[in-house]
Protein backbone atom coordinates (compact mmCIF):
# COMPACT_ATOMS: atom_id res chain seq x y z
CA UNK A 1 -12.37 27.68 -38.54
CA UNK A 2 -12.22 29.75 -35.46
CA UNK A 3 -10.26 28.69 -32.38
CA UNK A 4 -13.93 29.20 -30.70
CA UNK A 5 -15.32 26.91 -33.23
CA UNK A 6 -12.77 24.39 -33.09
CA UNK A 7 -13.51 24.23 -29.16
CA UNK A 8 -17.31 23.80 -29.33
CA UNK A 9 -17.06 21.04 -32.14
CA UNK A 10 -13.97 19.22 -29.80
CA UNK A 11 -16.77 19.48 -26.69
CA UNK A 12 -19.29 17.94 -29.02
CA UNK A 13 -17.62 15.09 -29.92
CA UNK A 14 -15.94 14.38 -26.45
CA UNK A 15 -19.81 14.11 -25.15
CA UNK A 16 -20.54 12.15 -28.13
CA UNK A 17 -17.49 9.17 -27.19
CA UNK A 18 -18.67 9.57 -23.72
CA UNK A 19 -22.37 8.78 -24.56
CA UNK A 20 -21.13 5.93 -26.71
CA UNK A 21 -18.80 4.51 -24.02
CA UNK A 22 -21.72 4.86 -21.50
CA UNK A 23 -23.84 2.59 -24.14
CA UNK A 24 -21.16 0.05 -24.24
CA UNK A 25 -19.78 0.50 -27.58
CA UNK A 26 -16.27 0.82 -27.73
CA UNK A 27 -15.80 1.35 -31.13
CA UNK A 28 -17.88 4.09 -31.66
CA UNK A 29 -16.23 5.69 -28.32
CA UNK A 30 -13.02 5.27 -29.84
CA UNK A 31 -13.56 6.74 -33.06
CA UNK A 32 -15.19 9.87 -31.33
CA UNK A 33 -12.30 10.45 -29.18
CA UNK A 34 -10.40 10.35 -32.28
CA UNK A 35 -12.61 12.81 -34.39
CA UNK A 36 -12.39 14.99 -30.53
CA UNK A 37 -9.19 15.49 -30.81
CA UNK A 38 -8.70 15.53 -34.92
CA UNK A 39 -10.81 18.88 -34.32
CA UNK A 40 -8.77 19.96 -30.98
CA UNK A 41 -5.46 18.78 -30.53
CA UNK A 42 -4.62 20.78 -27.47
CA UNK A 43 -8.36 20.14 -26.05
CA UNK A 44 -7.29 18.98 -22.41
CA UNK A 45 -10.94 17.10 -21.80
CA UNK A 46 -10.27 15.40 -25.30
CA UNK A 47 -6.93 14.03 -24.24
CA UNK A 48 -7.98 13.00 -21.01
CA UNK A 49 -11.04 10.98 -22.22
CA UNK A 50 -9.14 9.15 -24.51
CA UNK A 51 -6.16 8.57 -22.41
CA UNK A 52 -8.05 7.20 -20.03
CA UNK A 53 -10.46 5.29 -22.87
CA UNK A 54 -6.89 3.58 -23.90
CA UNK A 55 -5.58 2.83 -20.10
CA UNK A 56 -8.80 0.78 -19.61
CA UNK A 57 -8.83 -0.94 -23.11
CA UNK A 58 -4.93 -1.73 -23.29
CA UNK A 59 -2.93 0.78 -25.19
CA UNK A 60 -1.15 1.60 -21.82
CA UNK A 61 1.82 3.61 -23.61
CA UNK A 62 -0.09 5.67 -25.85
CA UNK A 63 -2.48 6.53 -22.58
CA UNK A 64 0.78 7.63 -20.82
CA UNK A 65 1.84 10.14 -23.38
CA UNK A 66 -1.89 11.31 -23.62
CA UNK A 67 -2.24 11.77 -19.78
CA UNK A 68 1.39 13.41 -19.75
CA UNK A 69 -0.16 16.09 -22.39
CA UNK A 70 -3.27 16.48 -20.35
CA UNK A 71 -1.56 17.10 -16.78
CA UNK A 72 0.85 19.39 -18.47
CA UNK A 73 -1.66 21.94 -19.76
CA UNK A 74 -5.11 20.77 -17.82
CA UNK A 75 -6.43 22.48 -14.98
CA UNK A 76 -6.65 21.64 -11.21
CA UNK A 77 -10.27 19.74 -11.82
CA UNK A 78 -8.86 17.83 -14.98
CA UNK A 79 -5.16 16.55 -13.03
CA UNK A 80 -7.01 15.23 -9.94
CA UNK A 81 -9.51 13.29 -12.40
CA UNK A 82 -6.50 11.38 -14.18
CA UNK A 83 -3.96 11.69 -11.74
CA UNK A 84 -4.95 7.66 -9.76
CA UNK A 85 -5.01 6.28 -13.50
CA UNK A 86 -2.04 8.11 -14.49
CA UNK A 87 -0.15 7.31 -11.76
CA UNK A 88 -0.86 3.44 -12.15
CA UNK A 89 0.83 3.38 -15.81
CA UNK A 90 3.58 5.70 -14.11
CA UNK A 91 4.82 3.36 -10.98
CA UNK A 92 5.66 0.66 -13.54
CA UNK A 93 8.17 2.37 -15.76
CA UNK A 94 11.85 1.95 -15.50
CA UNK A 95 13.92 5.22 -17.01
CA UNK A 96 17.12 4.84 -17.90
CA UNK A 97 17.86 8.72 -18.55
CA UNK A 98 16.12 11.53 -16.87
CA UNK A 99 13.11 13.03 -18.00
CA UNK A 100 11.70 16.32 -17.54
CA UNK A 101 8.45 15.80 -18.62
CA UNK A 102 8.37 12.46 -16.36
CA UNK A 103 10.01 14.43 -13.62
CA UNK A 104 7.01 16.71 -13.61
CA UNK A 105 4.34 14.07 -13.81
CA UNK A 106 6.06 12.08 -11.09
CA UNK A 107 5.69 15.57 -9.19
CA UNK A 108 2.14 16.35 -10.04
CA UNK A 109 0.87 12.87 -9.68
CA UNK A 110 2.76 12.59 -6.01
CA UNK A 111 1.15 15.85 -4.52
CA UNK A 112 -2.46 15.14 -5.98
CA UNK A 113 -4.46 13.09 -2.38
CA UNK A 114 -6.85 10.89 -4.95
CA UNK A 115 -3.05 9.27 -5.64
CA UNK A 116 -1.31 6.38 -3.23
CA UNK A 117 2.34 7.82 -3.17
CA UNK A 118 4.08 4.83 -1.93
CA UNK A 119 3.16 3.17 -5.36
CA UNK A 120 5.55 6.05 -7.02
CA UNK A 121 8.42 5.62 -4.51
CA UNK A 122 10.66 3.44 -7.06
CA UNK A 123 10.40 5.06 -10.13
CA UNK A 124 10.58 8.48 -8.63
CA UNK A 125 13.67 7.62 -6.72
CA UNK A 126 14.87 5.99 -9.98
CA UNK A 127 14.07 9.49 -11.80
CA UNK A 128 16.05 11.09 -8.82
CA UNK A 129 19.22 9.51 -8.92
CA UNK A 130 19.33 9.58 -12.84
CA UNK A 131 19.00 13.79 -12.25
CA UNK A 132 21.39 13.72 -9.44
CA UNK A 133 24.04 11.10 -10.72
CA UNK A 134 26.66 11.77 -8.21
CA UNK A 135 26.31 13.52 -5.15
CA UNK A 136 29.79 15.31 -3.91
CA UNK A 137 28.18 16.53 -0.23
CA UNK A 138 28.74 19.97 -0.56
CA UNK A 139 26.41 22.68 1.05
CA UNK A 140 25.69 23.72 -3.05
CA UNK A 141 24.50 20.02 -3.48
CA UNK A 142 22.37 19.77 -0.41
CA UNK A 143 20.70 23.37 -1.18
CA UNK A 144 19.80 22.31 -4.71
CA UNK A 145 18.13 19.50 -3.47
CA UNK A 146 16.27 21.47 -0.58
CA UNK A 147 14.89 23.60 -3.70
CA UNK A 148 13.65 20.42 -5.92
CA UNK A 149 9.86 20.10 -5.93
CA UNK A 150 10.59 15.90 -6.91
CA UNK A 151 13.11 15.57 -3.91
CA UNK A 152 10.82 17.25 -1.38
CA UNK A 153 7.90 15.55 -2.68
CA UNK A 154 9.54 12.21 -2.54
CA UNK A 155 10.96 12.66 1.09
CA UNK A 156 7.94 14.12 2.32
CA UNK A 157 5.27 11.41 0.98
CA UNK A 158 7.13 8.36 -0.25
CA UNK A 159 8.86 5.85 2.24
CA UNK A 160 12.05 4.13 0.23
CA UNK A 161 12.21 1.56 -1.08
CA UNK A 162 15.27 1.26 -3.40
CA UNK A 163 18.28 0.39 -2.24
CA UNK A 164 20.45 2.58 -4.48
CA UNK A 165 18.59 5.56 -2.86
CA UNK A 166 18.75 3.92 0.29
CA UNK A 167 23.28 4.64 0.00
CA UNK A 168 22.57 7.95 -1.26
CA UNK A 169 19.88 9.12 1.55
CA UNK A 170 22.49 7.93 3.94
CA UNK A 171 25.33 9.98 2.38
CA UNK A 172 23.06 13.20 2.20
CA UNK A 173 22.26 12.76 6.10
CA UNK A 174 25.62 12.37 6.95
CA UNK A 175 26.71 15.26 4.66
CA UNK A 176 24.26 17.61 6.97
CA UNK A 177 25.57 16.04 9.98
CA UNK A 178 29.14 17.05 9.00
CA UNK A 179 27.98 20.64 7.54
CA UNK A 180 25.81 21.25 10.83
CA UNK A 181 29.52 20.73 13.14
CA UNK A 182 30.90 23.28 10.83
CA UNK A 183 28.11 25.97 11.03
CA UNK A 184 26.08 25.04 14.05
CA UNK A 185 22.37 25.10 13.94
CA UNK A 186 22.05 28.23 11.34
CA UNK A 187 20.69 26.34 7.91
CA UNK A 188 19.86 28.37 5.25
CA UNK A 189 16.39 28.03 4.21
CA UNK A 190 16.61 25.34 1.42
CA UNK A 191 18.77 22.84 3.69
CA UNK A 192 16.27 23.53 6.41
CA UNK A 193 13.52 22.18 4.29
CA UNK A 194 15.61 19.09 3.39
CA UNK A 195 16.14 18.57 7.03
CA UNK A 196 12.25 18.66 7.39
CA UNK A 197 11.59 16.53 4.45
CA UNK A 198 14.29 13.64 5.62
CA UNK A 199 12.94 14.16 9.16
CA UNK A 200 9.38 13.19 7.63
CA UNK A 201 10.83 10.51 5.35
CA UNK A 202 12.98 8.94 8.73
CA UNK A 203 9.47 8.98 10.78
CA UNK A 204 7.80 7.08 7.89
CA UNK A 205 10.24 4.38 7.96
CA UNK A 206 10.69 4.38 12.07
CA UNK A 207 14.53 6.12 11.75
CA UNK A 208 14.90 2.18 9.75
CA UNK A 209 18.48 3.71 8.54
CA UNK A 210 21.83 3.24 10.68
CA UNK A 211 21.78 5.63 13.71
CA UNK A 212 24.83 8.07 13.41
CA UNK A 213 26.02 10.15 16.23
CA UNK A 214 24.38 14.02 15.12
CA UNK A 215 23.83 16.64 17.66
CA UNK A 216 21.79 19.72 17.08
CA UNK A 217 18.74 19.78 14.93
CA UNK A 218 20.16 17.28 12.03
CA UNK A 219 19.85 14.72 15.21
CA UNK A 220 15.85 14.54 14.16
CA UNK A 221 17.16 12.52 10.88
CA UNK A 222 17.48 9.64 13.28
CA UNK A 223 14.72 10.00 16.01
CA UNK A 224 11.40 12.18 16.25
CA UNK A 225 11.47 15.89 16.71
CA UNK A 226 10.64 17.77 19.19
CA UNK A 227 8.38 20.73 18.50
CA UNK A 228 10.94 23.32 18.98
CA UNK A 229 13.25 21.21 16.96
CA UNK A 230 10.59 21.34 13.44
CA UNK A 231 9.94 24.68 14.36
CA UNK A 232 13.15 26.15 13.55
CA UNK A 233 13.75 24.50 10.37
CA UNK A 234 11.00 27.36 9.50
CA UNK A 235 7.96 27.46 8.61
CA UNK A 236 6.10 25.75 5.21
CA UNK A 237 4.01 23.00 4.24
CA UNK A 238 6.55 20.60 4.49
CA UNK A 239 7.43 21.65 8.18
CA UNK A 240 3.79 22.33 9.44
CA UNK A 241 3.88 18.19 7.93
CA UNK A 242 6.53 16.88 10.41
CA UNK A 243 4.74 18.53 13.42
CA UNK A 244 1.56 17.44 12.47
CA UNK A 245 2.56 13.78 11.68
CA UNK A 246 5.75 13.27 14.00
CA UNK A 247 4.20 15.41 16.88
CA UNK A 248 0.49 15.57 16.78
CA UNK A 249 -1.04 12.32 15.14
CA UNK A 250 1.40 10.15 17.18
CA UNK A 251 -0.29 12.15 20.64
CA UNK A 252 -3.73 11.84 19.70
CA UNK A 253 -3.34 8.14 18.09
CA UNK A 254 -1.91 7.33 22.13
CA UNK A 255 -5.33 9.35 23.79
CA UNK A 256 -7.29 7.19 20.97
CA UNK A 257 -5.63 4.12 22.20
CA UNK A 258 -7.03 4.32 25.71
CA UNK A 259 -10.47 5.02 24.26
CA UNK A 260 -10.55 1.23 22.06
CA UNK A 261 -13.41 -0.80 23.10
CA UNK A 262 -12.90 -4.79 23.89
CA UNK A 263 -14.76 -6.64 21.71
CA UNK A 264 -13.60 -10.39 23.46
CA UNK A 265 -11.96 -11.45 26.72
CA UNK A 266 -8.38 -10.27 27.34
CA UNK A 267 -6.60 -13.51 27.88
CA UNK A 268 -4.98 -14.77 24.98
CA UNK A 269 -2.79 -17.70 24.20
CA UNK A 270 0.71 -17.18 24.36
CA UNK A 271 1.20 -16.78 20.42
CA UNK A 272 -1.80 -14.11 20.76
CA UNK A 273 -0.17 -12.27 23.23
CA UNK A 274 3.27 -12.21 21.38
CA UNK A 275 1.69 -11.24 18.47
CA UNK A 276 0.16 -8.80 20.32
CA UNK A 277 3.11 -7.33 21.98
CA UNK A 278 4.52 -7.23 18.00
CA UNK A 279 2.32 -5.03 17.05
CA UNK A 280 2.09 -2.42 20.05
CA UNK A 281 5.35 -2.14 19.33
CA UNK A 282 5.52 -2.13 15.75
CA UNK A 283 2.04 -1.11 14.07
CA UNK A 284 1.86 -2.54 11.13
CA UNK A 285 1.31 -1.81 7.88
CA UNK A 286 2.76 1.75 8.37
CA UNK A 287 0.47 4.07 5.76
CA UNK A 288 0.15 8.09 5.47
CA UNK A 289 -2.03 8.71 2.39
CA UNK A 290 -5.48 7.24 3.20
CA UNK A 291 -6.95 4.80 0.05
CA UNK A 292 -9.42 6.54 -2.57
CA UNK A 293 -11.05 3.84 -4.02
CA UNK A 294 -13.38 4.02 -7.12
CA UNK A 295 -16.92 3.72 -5.36
CA UNK A 296 -18.64 -0.35 -5.78
CA UNK A 297 -21.04 -2.01 -3.75
CA UNK A 298 -19.25 -4.51 -2.20
CA UNK A 299 -22.33 -6.79 -3.01
CA UNK A 300 -21.19 -6.38 -6.85
CA UNK A 301 -17.42 -7.71 -5.76
CA UNK A 302 -19.24 -10.62 -4.12
CA UNK A 303 -22.01 -11.35 -6.44
CA UNK A 304 -19.05 -12.01 -9.18
CA UNK A 305 -17.12 -14.87 -7.50
CA UNK A 306 -17.16 -17.79 -10.06
CA UNK A 307 -18.53 -20.85 -7.14
CA UNK A 308 -20.81 -18.63 -5.08
CA UNK A 309 -24.15 -20.27 -4.00
CA UNK A 310 -26.15 -17.20 -4.90
CA UNK A 311 -29.11 -18.29 -3.75
CA UNK A 312 -28.09 -18.96 -0.39
CA UNK A 313 -26.10 -15.74 -0.10
CA UNK A 314 -28.88 -13.41 -1.09
CA UNK A 315 -28.32 -9.93 -1.85
CA UNK A 316 -27.61 -8.59 1.43
CA UNK A 317 -24.25 -7.52 2.15
CA UNK A 318 -24.28 -5.18 5.05
CA UNK A 319 -22.62 -6.11 8.18
CA UNK A 320 -18.46 -6.95 7.60
CA UNK A 321 -15.71 -7.96 10.26
CA UNK A 322 -12.22 -7.16 9.54
CA UNK A 323 -10.65 -9.74 11.54
CA UNK A 324 -6.81 -8.36 12.00
CA UNK A 325 -7.32 -4.45 10.50
CA UNK A 326 -3.88 -3.79 11.64
CA UNK A 327 -3.58 -0.05 11.19
CA UNK A 328 -6.79 -0.10 9.65
CA UNK A 329 -6.37 1.04 5.59
CA UNK A 330 -8.60 -2.13 4.84
CA UNK A 331 -11.73 -1.33 6.67
CA UNK A 332 -11.14 2.19 5.52
CA UNK A 333 -10.73 1.51 2.17
CA UNK A 334 -13.96 -0.78 2.41
CA UNK A 335 -16.15 2.04 4.02
CA UNK A 336 -14.93 4.58 1.09
CA UNK A 337 -15.63 2.11 -1.60
CA UNK A 338 -19.24 1.12 -0.16
CA UNK A 339 -20.47 3.78 2.31
CA UNK A 340 -23.66 1.90 2.82
CA UNK A 341 -21.54 -1.07 4.74
CA UNK A 342 -21.63 -1.71 8.48
CA UNK A 343 -18.08 -2.60 9.57
CA UNK A 344 -16.55 -4.01 12.80
CA UNK A 345 -12.74 -3.42 12.36
CA UNK A 346 -10.90 -5.87 15.10
CA UNK A 347 -7.48 -5.94 15.78
CA UNK A 348 -5.14 -7.68 19.00
CA UNK A 349 -3.22 -4.37 18.92
CA UNK A 350 -4.93 -1.08 20.20
CA UNK A 351 -1.51 1.15 18.78
CA UNK A 352 -2.44 -0.56 15.40
CA UNK A 353 -6.25 0.43 16.15
CA UNK A 354 -5.94 4.02 16.82
CA UNK A 355 -4.18 4.80 13.45
CA UNK A 356 -7.29 3.91 11.91
CA UNK A 357 -9.37 5.52 14.41
CA UNK A 358 -7.39 8.69 13.86
CA UNK A 359 -7.75 8.42 9.87
CA UNK A 360 -11.20 6.98 10.05
CA UNK A 361 -12.62 10.62 12.27
CA UNK A 362 -10.28 12.75 9.98
CA UNK A 363 -12.44 11.34 7.07
CA UNK A 364 -15.49 11.69 8.85
CA UNK A 365 -16.09 7.82 8.29
CA UNK A 366 -18.68 6.67 10.82
CA UNK A 367 -19.54 3.49 9.80
CA UNK A 368 -16.76 1.76 11.03
CA UNK A 369 -16.35 0.22 14.70
CA UNK A 370 -13.06 -0.21 16.02
CA UNK A 371 -12.73 -2.62 18.65
CA UNK A 372 -10.14 -5.13 20.14
CA UNK A 373 -10.12 -8.35 20.17
CA UNK A 374 -8.54 -11.70 19.56
CA UNK A 375 -10.07 -13.93 16.64
CA UNK A 376 -9.68 -16.89 19.01
CA UNK A 377 -12.31 -15.42 21.42
CA UNK A 378 -14.94 -14.59 19.08
CA UNK A 379 -18.19 -16.20 20.13
CA UNK A 380 -21.06 -16.98 17.41
CA UNK A 381 -23.29 -14.17 19.97
CA UNK A 382 -21.07 -11.57 18.09
CA UNK A 383 -22.28 -12.31 15.01
CA UNK A 384 -23.61 -12.50 12.58
CA UNK A 385 -21.45 -11.09 9.33
CA UNK A 386 -22.23 -11.33 5.76
CA UNK A 387 -18.76 -10.61 4.96
CA UNK A 388 -15.58 -11.62 6.88
CA UNK A 389 -12.23 -10.46 5.76
CA UNK A 390 -8.95 -11.55 7.33
CA UNK A 391 -6.00 -11.04 5.53
CA UNK A 392 -2.83 -12.34 6.57
CA UNK A 393 -3.51 -12.80 10.02
CA UNK A 394 -4.76 -16.31 11.01
CA UNK A 395 -1.17 -17.91 9.51
CA UNK A 396 0.00 -15.90 12.73
CA UNK A 397 -1.29 -18.19 15.24
CA UNK A 398 -0.70 -21.51 16.67
CA UNK A 399 -3.24 -23.01 15.32
CA UNK A 400 -4.52 -21.30 12.13
CA UNK A 401 -7.87 -24.09 11.75
CA UNK A 402 -9.09 -22.76 15.67
CA UNK A 403 -8.93 -19.19 13.81
CA UNK A 404 -10.73 -20.11 10.81
CA UNK A 405 -13.29 -22.13 12.83
CA UNK A 406 -14.17 -19.28 14.81
CA UNK A 407 -14.83 -17.15 12.10
CA UNK A 408 -16.77 -19.24 10.72
CA UNK A 409 -19.09 -19.08 13.87
CA UNK A 410 -19.97 -15.89 13.04
CA UNK A 411 -20.14 -15.66 9.68
CA UNK A 412 -23.76 -16.31 8.58
CA UNK A 413 -25.29 -19.08 6.37
CA UNK A 414 -24.52 -18.12 2.71
CA UNK A 415 -22.12 -15.66 3.92
CA UNK A 416 -18.30 -15.80 2.81
CA UNK A 417 -14.69 -15.22 4.21
CA UNK A 418 -11.81 -13.68 2.34
CA UNK A 419 -8.30 -14.87 3.40
CA UNK A 420 -4.95 -14.06 2.44
CA UNK A 421 -2.32 -16.63 3.71
CA UNK A 422 1.19 -17.16 2.81
CA UNK A 423 2.57 -19.61 0.20
CA UNK A 424 5.55 -22.13 1.26
CA UNK A 425 7.00 -22.07 -1.98
CA UNK A 426 6.86 -18.16 -2.51
CA UNK A 427 8.22 -17.62 0.98
CA UNK A 428 11.42 -19.40 0.73
CA UNK A 429 13.76 -16.60 1.07
CA UNK A 430 12.00 -15.86 4.15
CA UNK A 431 12.73 -18.92 5.24
CA UNK A 432 16.16 -18.55 4.68
CA UNK A 433 16.31 -15.14 6.73
CA UNK A 434 15.10 -17.26 9.60
CA UNK A 435 17.56 -19.42 9.20
CA UNK A 436 20.04 -16.54 9.01
CA UNK A 437 18.45 -14.83 11.95
CA UNK A 438 18.23 -17.79 14.30
CA UNK A 439 22.20 -18.38 13.13
CA UNK A 440 22.79 -15.08 14.30
CA UNK A 441 21.51 -14.78 17.46
CA UNK A 442 19.67 -11.75 16.06
CA UNK A 443 16.02 -10.93 17.95
CA UNK A 444 13.42 -8.70 17.13
CA UNK A 445 14.72 -5.31 18.51
CA UNK A 446 15.56 -2.10 16.43
CA UNK A 447 19.32 -2.78 16.61
CA UNK A 448 19.13 -6.02 15.20
CA UNK A 449 16.66 -5.27 12.67
CA UNK A 450 19.18 -2.48 11.25
CA UNK A 451 21.90 -5.51 11.60
CA UNK A 452 20.03 -7.92 9.66
CA UNK A 453 19.46 -5.23 7.04
CA UNK A 454 22.94 -3.93 6.62
CA UNK A 455 24.10 -7.59 6.10
CA UNK A 456 21.44 -7.94 3.17
CA UNK A 457 22.21 -4.52 1.82
CA UNK A 458 25.75 -5.43 1.46
CA UNK A 459 24.77 -8.98 -0.51
CA UNK A 460 25.76 -8.81 -4.03
CA UNK A 461 22.69 -9.46 -6.45
CA UNK A 462 22.30 -13.08 -7.03
CA UNK A 463 22.64 -13.93 -3.67
CA UNK A 464 19.27 -15.59 -2.34
CA UNK A 465 18.78 -13.06 0.48
CA UNK A 466 19.30 -10.00 -1.54
CA UNK A 467 16.04 -10.82 -3.08
CA UNK A 468 14.49 -9.60 0.06
CA UNK A 469 15.74 -5.99 -1.32
CA UNK A 470 12.97 -6.08 -3.42
CA UNK A 471 10.45 -6.36 -1.12
CA UNK A 472 8.79 -3.00 0.25
CA UNK A 473 8.52 -4.41 3.67
CA UNK A 474 12.59 -4.23 3.82
CA UNK A 475 12.17 -0.82 4.34
CA UNK A 476 10.90 0.39 7.65
CA UNK A 477 11.51 -1.17 11.03
CA UNK A 478 7.76 -2.57 11.39
CA UNK A 479 8.14 -3.50 8.13
CA UNK A 480 11.05 -5.61 8.04
CA UNK A 481 10.22 -6.98 11.67
CA UNK A 482 6.62 -8.29 9.94
CA UNK A 483 8.66 -9.54 6.88
CA UNK A 484 11.30 -11.83 8.67
CA UNK A 485 11.38 -11.36 12.23
CA UNK A 486 7.31 -12.12 13.13
CA UNK A 487 7.11 -14.72 16.11
CA UNK A 488 4.60 -17.06 14.30
CA UNK A 489 4.01 -18.07 10.83
CA UNK A 490 2.53 -20.55 8.79
CA UNK A 491 2.93 -21.19 5.00
CA UNK A 492 0.63 -23.51 3.10
CA UNK A 493 0.37 -25.49 -0.64
CA UNK A 494 -2.84 -24.92 -2.58
CA UNK A 495 -4.26 -28.30 -1.86
CA UNK A 496 -3.30 -27.43 2.06
CA UNK A 497 -5.85 -24.16 1.40
CA UNK A 498 -8.60 -26.62 0.09
CA UNK A 499 -8.09 -28.49 3.15
CA UNK A 500 -7.82 -25.60 5.84
CA UNK A 501 -11.18 -24.27 4.23
CA UNK A 502 -13.12 -27.93 4.54
CA UNK A 503 -12.43 -28.55 8.12
CA UNK A 504 -13.76 -25.29 8.99
CA UNK A 505 -17.33 -26.27 6.78
CA UNK A 506 -16.38 -23.63 4.31
CA UNK A 507 -16.73 -24.39 0.34
CA UNK A 508 -14.14 -22.62 -1.90
CA UNK A 509 -16.03 -19.97 -4.33
CA UNK A 510 -13.04 -17.43 -5.22
CA UNK A 511 -9.19 -17.72 -6.10
CA UNK A 512 -7.59 -14.46 -7.01
CA UNK A 513 -4.77 -14.51 -8.99
CA UNK A 514 -2.79 -11.98 -10.73
CA UNK A 515 -2.84 -11.27 -14.70
CA UNK A 516 0.88 -13.19 -14.28
CA UNK A 517 -0.95 -16.42 -12.32
CA UNK A 518 -4.00 -16.48 -14.97
CA UNK A 519 -1.62 -16.56 -17.60
CA UNK A 520 0.70 -19.14 -16.71
CA UNK A 521 -2.58 -20.95 -15.63
CA UNK A 522 -4.16 -20.40 -18.86
CA UNK A 523 -1.33 -21.57 -20.56
CA UNK A 524 -0.88 -24.62 -18.54
CA UNK A 525 -4.48 -25.91 -18.46
CA UNK A 526 -6.64 -23.95 -21.09
CA UNK A 527 -9.96 -23.21 -19.99
CA UNK A 528 -9.67 -25.57 -16.96
CA UNK A 529 -12.12 -25.12 -13.88
CA UNK A 530 -9.83 -21.50 -11.55
CA UNK A 531 -11.06 -23.13 -8.55
CA UNK A 532 -9.36 -26.27 -8.91
CA UNK A 533 -6.72 -25.80 -6.10
CA UNK A 534 -4.65 -29.35 -7.55
CA UNK A 535 -4.08 -27.18 -10.93
CA UNK A 536 -3.06 -24.28 -9.21
CA UNK A 537 -0.31 -26.48 -7.35
CA UNK A 538 1.32 -27.98 -10.47
CA UNK A 539 1.06 -24.08 -11.89
CA UNK A 540 2.87 -23.07 -8.87
CA UNK A 541 5.48 -25.69 -8.63
CA UNK A 542 6.54 -24.09 -12.38
CA UNK A 543 6.59 -20.95 -11.21
CA UNK A 544 6.75 -20.66 -7.01
CA UNK A 545 7.32 -16.89 -7.30
CA UNK A 546 3.60 -16.19 -8.47
CA UNK A 547 2.06 -15.95 -4.69
CA UNK A 548 4.62 -13.80 -3.55
CA UNK A 549 2.19 -11.53 -1.78
CA UNK A 550 -0.14 -14.24 -0.43
CA UNK A 551 -2.82 -16.45 -1.75
CA UNK A 552 -6.30 -14.61 -1.37
CA UNK A 553 -9.49 -16.95 -1.83
CA UNK A 554 -12.89 -16.91 -1.09
CA UNK A 555 -15.06 -19.34 0.59
CA UNK A 556 -18.69 -19.62 1.30
CA UNK A 557 -20.75 -20.93 4.31
CA UNK A 558 -23.45 -23.39 3.77
CA UNK A 559 -26.86 -22.50 4.47
CA UNK A 560 -27.85 -25.53 6.19
């Protein structure tokens, strides 16, 4: 059989596999995928098809190998199709030696707009440190970094989340400053490119690194650049990114912040005003790559909630309030997932809202209405909403129960609210950090946040506070401030969550948990009711780290 005939046979078998998969025939689809690759071992669409199938159905190791083959030989359309799934497989890797194929795979995935580059920050940092085991600070070593696509992709697209990489980047910045003292502003092209990429990295982390005395162009590693300083680094995509992200976009956001309409009265309580001031100074979370979720109607996600009263909820899921939307990631994610939604995105901070407004404008997402407002000032006439989400918000109020009552007041009968709240047990290390901050007299200003970070980075592994180095929030000024310097924080146990929603007149209908948490629950209680918060309390007593992010739960408002 000739090559053309082989490809035609492989293409026919691929169509057969996809047809069987669409019909729910997993065994038939798997067999057809295997037959496709037997007919055409290097048929990239077949490699992609089987790789995606195995990634979805459990054999992640083989899936990663197949998708790596695909990304090395496939065209750009195929690369973009597989990149989100492939990136999810790569992000959990812990390499122990540098591998050229992994280097290539990370570089391609980081360049894809459909991939969240931050998800690959840790594995990319580890790969680069294995690639360049020692750094001698010479101009040759700096130039080599400026010619390396993976270094440039990592620095320009990720916020570093590795303590070892942070030490390396400090050494690189020091070497650049020393070199500039010797050579002045005459930076050869690869080093100018490296400075531009490091400038992007610094801007993304809000210059969280210890500030050094630096003159000339290298000073932009510790503060935002001027347009002339950025232009002096040469012409290219990374230099253009630096101008766009560190100069043009912030200027546009300042203009947008002045246009945000008010949704509630301005006079908040003392805690609301303090929280507002925090996020005006340090909008959070900081992100640059917009979400690219798979299309899915929100009503489908709501309809499968295990405790939902479907009769009172009905099929109407149209109006959504994101109460405490921060910098807009969640409403933008929802709008791209389900374009039919009418979303009101509300936050205390105009600076935070402006970030989301800018990205929404760039993506032409006209169904999101960004408004400034305080949950505690919501009035029922501003509703009703079919769905409300409030993730990581009401636990920053003086009385979270008052905030939830206000949210319930603008929720339609039968509607649902999704909450994200801190765990008392999982936040033990944060409580220890609060104690240290009080003891040292540190305040939420940049210098004190850097001092706290320096203290933690110097701790040996095994010290309780050293665990903070594993948090992505530790690696930016706004993230670290939100993590351990927040003006107000409440924490809960599972039974306390039940009390909170009951006092608001709501009923628990969903409790989200990671695969690890679900496995722990099943091991302890088998097929018991997964909405039993008393049982979850017993599970968490044994595994206090299970909800290190937050609890996420859904509650429904009764119809009558």
